[in-house]
Protein backbone atom coordinates (compact mmCIF):
# COMPACT_ATOMS: atom_id res chain seq x y z
CA MET A 1 -0.03 -0.17 -0.01
CA PHE A 2 2.51 2.85 1.15
CA GLU A 3 6.20 2.47 0.44
CA PHE A 4 8.16 4.60 2.54
CA ASN A 5 10.13 7.20 0.80
CA LEU A 6 13.15 8.45 2.30
CA LEU A 7 14.31 11.12 -0.10
CA SER A 8 10.73 12.70 0.31
CA PHE A 9 10.75 11.77 3.69
CA ILE A 10 14.36 13.88 4.60
CA LEU A 11 12.45 16.99 2.03
CA GLY A 12 9.53 16.70 4.24
CA VAL A 13 11.05 17.33 7.31
CA LEU A 14 14.00 19.80 5.78
CA ALA A 15 11.05 22.05 4.04
CA GLY A 16 9.30 21.79 7.94
CA ALA A 17 12.40 23.40 9.77
CA ILE A 18 12.73 26.27 6.92
CA ALA A 19 9.28 27.23 7.28
CA GLY A 20 9.59 27.30 11.01
CA CYS A 21 12.75 28.92 10.92
CA PHE A 22 10.85 31.80 8.86
CA LEU A 23 7.78 31.53 11.26
CA ALA A 24 10.08 31.65 14.51
CA TYR A 25 12.25 34.48 13.01
CA TYR A 26 8.73 36.49 12.31
CA LEU A 27 7.46 35.84 15.76
CA LEU A 28 10.59 37.22 17.46
CA LYS A 29 10.82 40.08 15.35
CA LYS A 30 7.17 41.53 16.09
CA TYR A 31 8.16 40.51 19.74
CA MET A 32 11.23 42.76 19.95
CA GLU A 33 9.42 45.39 18.13
CA LYS A 34 6.49 45.32 20.75
CA LYS A 35 9.45 45.74 23.37
CA MET A 36 11.17 47.96 22.14
CA GLN A 37 8.44 50.44 22.00
CA GLU A 38 7.77 49.91 25.29
CA VAL A 39 11.15 50.40 26.45
CA THR A 40 11.03 53.72 24.32
CA LYS A 41 8.26 55.03 26.15
CA LEU A 42 9.55 54.28 29.43
CA MET A 43 12.56 56.44 27.97
CA LYS A 44 10.58 58.98 27.01
CA LYS A 45 8.94 59.50 30.34
CA GLU A 46 12.00 59.39 32.08
CA GLU A 47 13.31 62.01 29.67
CA ILE A 48 10.24 64.32 29.88
CA ARG A 49 10.87 64.23 33.91
CA GLN A 50 14.24 65.54 33.81
CA LEU A 51 14.04 67.76 31.44
CA ALA A 52 10.89 69.45 33.56
CA GLY A 53 13.03 68.79 36.57
CA ALA A 54 15.87 70.92 35.00
CA PHE A 55 13.59 73.94 34.59
CA GLY A 56 12.00 73.55 38.24
CA HIS A 57 9.20 71.39 37.37
CA ASN A 58 7.97 68.51 39.14
CA LEU A 59 5.30 67.21 36.91
CA SER A 60 2.79 64.08 38.12
CA GLU A 61 2.56 60.79 36.37
CA GLN A 62 -1.08 62.24 34.75
CA GLN A 63 0.93 65.17 33.23
CA ILE A 64 3.83 63.03 31.60
CA ASN A 65 1.05 60.67 30.16
CA LEU A 66 -0.66 63.83 28.56
CA MET A 67 2.51 65.18 27.39
CA MET A 68 3.13 61.98 25.79
CA SER A 69 -0.20 61.30 24.37
CA SER A 70 0.25 64.75 22.94
CA MET A 71 3.43 63.98 21.22
CA GLU A 72 2.35 60.53 20.07
CA ARG A 73 -0.59 62.51 18.28
CA ALA A 74 1.75 64.82 16.87
CA MET A 75 4.02 62.15 15.53
CA GLU A 76 0.78 60.35 13.86
CA GLN A 77 -0.05 63.34 11.80
CA ALA A 78 3.56 64.36 10.80
CA LYS A 79 3.45 60.57 9.66
CA ALA A 80 0.03 60.95 7.95
CA LYS A 81 0.93 64.45 6.42
CA ASN A 82 4.46 62.94 5.25
CA LYS A 83 2.04 60.06 3.36
CA LYS A 84 0.37 62.42 1.66
CA LYS A 85 3.42 64.26 -0.44
């Protein structure tokens, strides 16, 4: 009925391994991009806090978050404007 073909088996395993590597690379890349965004957001918060402190202001977490959201909206608007050009 079914005849075992070693060459087909090896090629199937090899193709599966290659596909698995590509999938793992893609998922790892997406995970690392997400983590970098989180780290960047934390760094920006600390930079805003330090800059405000340099000018003698002590900002609350709510004020820093408000500034961050304003900056993010401005960046999104600038990206949208650049895409239209």
